[in-house]
Amino acid sequence: MSTMSPELALVDPELRAEAVARLPPVYVNAFLEFPRLPVAAPTVRAPGFRLSAALAYLALAIARTAAFDAVVFACVAVLVFLASVVA
């Protein structure tokens, strides 16, 4: 016996049988299937903006690294100078 709504159980048996016969079949694992997505044609874009953004990021990264290295070098030089003066 299949599960029916209470409304169908209250109507006459012929209408109930007809309504149940018109119900679509239920596939238990239907939620596991996904419809195939349409394949879109690849679009070709000019790499100008992305390339310039990448080059700007590279230049910024090099400048930041050089500045940090200069600060570290200066700190180590000052520590070595102070150590040589004290000793």
C-alpha atoms as a PDB file:
ATOM      1  CA  MET A   1       0.000   0.000   0.000  1.00  0.00           C
ATOM      2  CA  SER A   2       1.322   3.421  -0.910  1.00  0.00           C
ATOM      3  CA  THR A   3       1.095   6.557   1.153  1.00  0.00           C
ATOM      4  CA  MET A   4      -1.797   8.843   0.233  1.00  0.00           C
ATOM      5  CA  SER A   5      -2.863  12.254   1.345  1.00  0.00           C
ATOM      6  CA  PRO A   6      -5.895  12.358   3.672  1.00  0.00           C
ATOM      7  CA  GLU A   7      -7.877  14.248   1.046  1.00  0.00           C
ATOM      8  CA  LEU A   8      -7.627  11.326  -1.377  1.00  0.00           C
ATOM      9  CA  ALA A   9      -8.634   8.850   1.309  1.00  0.00           C
ATOM     10  CA  LEU A  10     -11.902  10.743   1.870  1.00  0.00           C
ATOM     11  CA  VAL A  11     -13.099  10.680  -1.732  1.00  0.00           C
ATOM     12  CA  ASP A  12     -14.677   7.851  -3.570  1.00  0.00           C
ATOM     13  CA  PRO A  13     -12.472   4.792  -4.308  1.00  0.00           C
ATOM     14  CA  GLU A  14     -12.649   5.218  -8.103  1.00  0.00           C
ATOM     15  CA  LEU A  15     -11.431   8.821  -7.925  1.00  0.00           C
ATOM     16  CA  ARG A  16      -8.744   7.787  -5.475  1.00  0.00           C
ATOM     17  CA  ALA A  17      -7.526   5.001  -7.769  1.00  0.00           C
ATOM     18  CA  GLU A  18      -7.505   7.372 -10.746  1.00  0.00           C
ATOM     19  CA  ALA A  19      -5.621  10.059  -8.805  1.00  0.00           C
ATOM     20  CA  VAL A  20      -3.045   7.573  -7.569  1.00  0.00           C
ATOM     21  CA  ALA A  21      -2.605   6.185 -11.088  1.00  0.00           C
ATOM     22  CA  ARG A  22      -1.870   9.716 -12.401  1.00  0.00           C
ATOM     23  CA  LEU A  23       0.866  10.378  -9.857  1.00  0.00           C
ATOM     24  CA  PRO A  24       4.355  10.353 -11.372  1.00  0.00           C
ATOM     25  CA  PRO A  25       6.612   7.497 -10.368  1.00  0.00           C
ATOM     26  CA  VAL A  26       8.860   8.327  -7.442  1.00  0.00           C
ATOM     27  CA  TYR A  27      12.541   7.515  -7.749  1.00  0.00           C
ATOM     28  CA  VAL A  28      14.039   7.230  -4.272  1.00  0.00           C
ATOM     29  CA  ASN A  29      17.539   8.461  -5.200  1.00  0.00           C
ATOM     30  CA  ALA A  30      16.430  11.251  -7.548  1.00  0.00           C
ATOM     31  CA  PHE A  31      18.102  13.869  -5.345  1.00  0.00           C
ATOM     32  CA  LEU A  32      21.487  12.301  -6.132  1.00  0.00           C
ATOM     33  CA  GLU A  33      21.216  13.001  -9.854  1.00  0.00           C
ATOM     34  CA  PHE A  34      21.967  16.385 -11.350  1.00  0.00           C
ATOM     35  CA  PRO A  35      20.884  17.545 -14.794  1.00  0.00           C
ATOM     36  CA  ARG A  36      23.679  18.070 -17.274  1.00  0.00           C
ATOM     37  CA  LEU A  37      24.655  21.697 -17.607  1.00  0.00           C
ATOM     38  CA  PRO A  38      24.891  23.160 -21.098  1.00  0.00           C
ATOM     39  CA  VAL A  39      28.428  23.588 -22.332  1.00  0.00           C
ATOM     40  CA  ALA A  40      29.191  27.203 -23.112  1.00  0.00           C
ATOM     41  CA  ALA A  41      31.611  28.176 -25.836  1.00  0.00           C
ATOM     42  CA  PRO A  42      34.881  29.417 -24.367  1.00  0.00           C
ATOM     43  CA  THR A  43      35.398  33.140 -24.657  1.00  0.00           C
ATOM     44  CA  VAL A  44      38.826  34.465 -25.503  1.00  0.00           C
ATOM     45  CA  ARG A  45      39.801  37.591 -23.617  1.00  0.00           C
ATOM     46  CA  ALA A  46      42.790  39.795 -24.098  1.00  0.00           C
ATOM     47  CA  PRO A  47      45.284  39.263 -21.274  1.00  0.00           C
ATOM     48  CA  GLY A  48      46.139  42.976 -21.123  1.00  0.00           C
ATOM     49  CA  PHE A  49      44.404  43.894 -17.871  1.00  0.00           C
ATOM     50  CA  ARG A  50      45.337  40.704 -16.067  1.00  0.00           C
ATOM     51  CA  LEU A  51      48.942  40.947 -17.207  1.00  0.00           C
ATOM     52  CA  SER A  52      49.288  44.554 -16.079  1.00  0.00           C
ATOM     53  CA  ALA A  53      47.701  43.730 -12.723  1.00  0.00           C
ATOM     54  CA  ALA A  54      50.084  40.799 -12.286  1.00  0.00           C
ATOM     55  CA  LEU A  55      53.083  42.959 -13.163  1.00  0.00           C
ATOM     56  CA  ALA A  56      51.959  45.670 -10.729  1.00  0.00           C
ATOM     57  CA  TYR A  57      51.562  43.068  -7.980  1.00  0.00           C
ATOM     58  CA  LEU A  58      55.011  41.649  -8.777  1.00  0.00           C
ATOM     59  CA  ALA A  59      56.612  45.110  -8.649  1.00  0.00           C
ATOM     60  CA  LEU A  60      54.901  45.849  -5.332  1.00  0.00           C
ATOM     61  CA  ALA A  61      56.017  42.511  -3.878  1.00  0.00           C
ATOM     62  CA  ILE A  62      59.633  43.127  -4.955  1.00  0.00           C
ATOM     63  CA  ALA A  63      59.594  46.639  -3.479  1.00  0.00           C
ATOM     64  CA  ARG A  64      58.158  45.415  -0.168  1.00  0.00           C
ATOM     65  CA  THR A  65      60.720  42.616   0.013  1.00  0.00           C
ATOM     66  CA  ALA A  66      63.595  44.986  -0.734  1.00  0.00           C
ATOM     67  CA  ALA A  67      62.408  47.467   1.903  1.00  0.00           C
ATOM     68  CA  PHE A  68      62.038  44.729   4.530  1.00  0.00           C
ATOM     69  CA  ASP A  69      65.485  43.325   3.694  1.00  0.00           C
ATOM     70  CA  ALA A  70      66.995  46.813   3.977  1.00  0.00           C
ATOM     71  CA  VAL A  71      65.438  47.303   7.439  1.00  0.00           C
ATOM     72  CA  VAL A  72      66.672  43.893   8.627  1.00  0.00           C
ATOM     73  CA  PHE A  73      70.169  44.591   7.231  1.00  0.00           C
ATOM     74  CA  ALA A  74      70.279  47.975   8.980  1.00  0.00           C
ATOM     75  CA  CYS A  75      69.174  46.462  12.301  1.00  0.00           C
ATOM     76  CA  VAL A  76      71.792  43.722  12.118  1.00  0.00           C
ATOM     77  CA  ALA A  77      74.471  46.289  11.174  1.00  0.00           C
ATOM     78  CA  VAL A  78      73.543  48.464  14.171  1.00  0.00           C
ATOM     79  CA  LEU A  79      73.630  45.447  16.508  1.00  0.00           C
ATOM     80  CA  VAL A  80      77.047  44.395  15.216  1.00  0.00           C
ATOM     81  CA  PHE A  81      78.344  47.975  15.596  1.00  0.00           C
ATOM     82  CA  LEU A  82      77.032  48.184  19.159  1.00  0.00           C
ATOM     83  CA  ALA A  83      78.498  44.779  20.013  1.00  0.00           C
ATOM     84  CA  SER A  84      81.902  45.817  18.667  1.00  0.00           C
ATOM     85  CA  VAL A  85      81.862  49.142  20.548  1.00  0.00           C
ATOM     86  CA  VAL A  86      80.932  47.525  23.874  1.00  0.00           C
ATOM     87  CA  ALA A  87      83.503  44.753  23.638  1.00  0.00           C
END
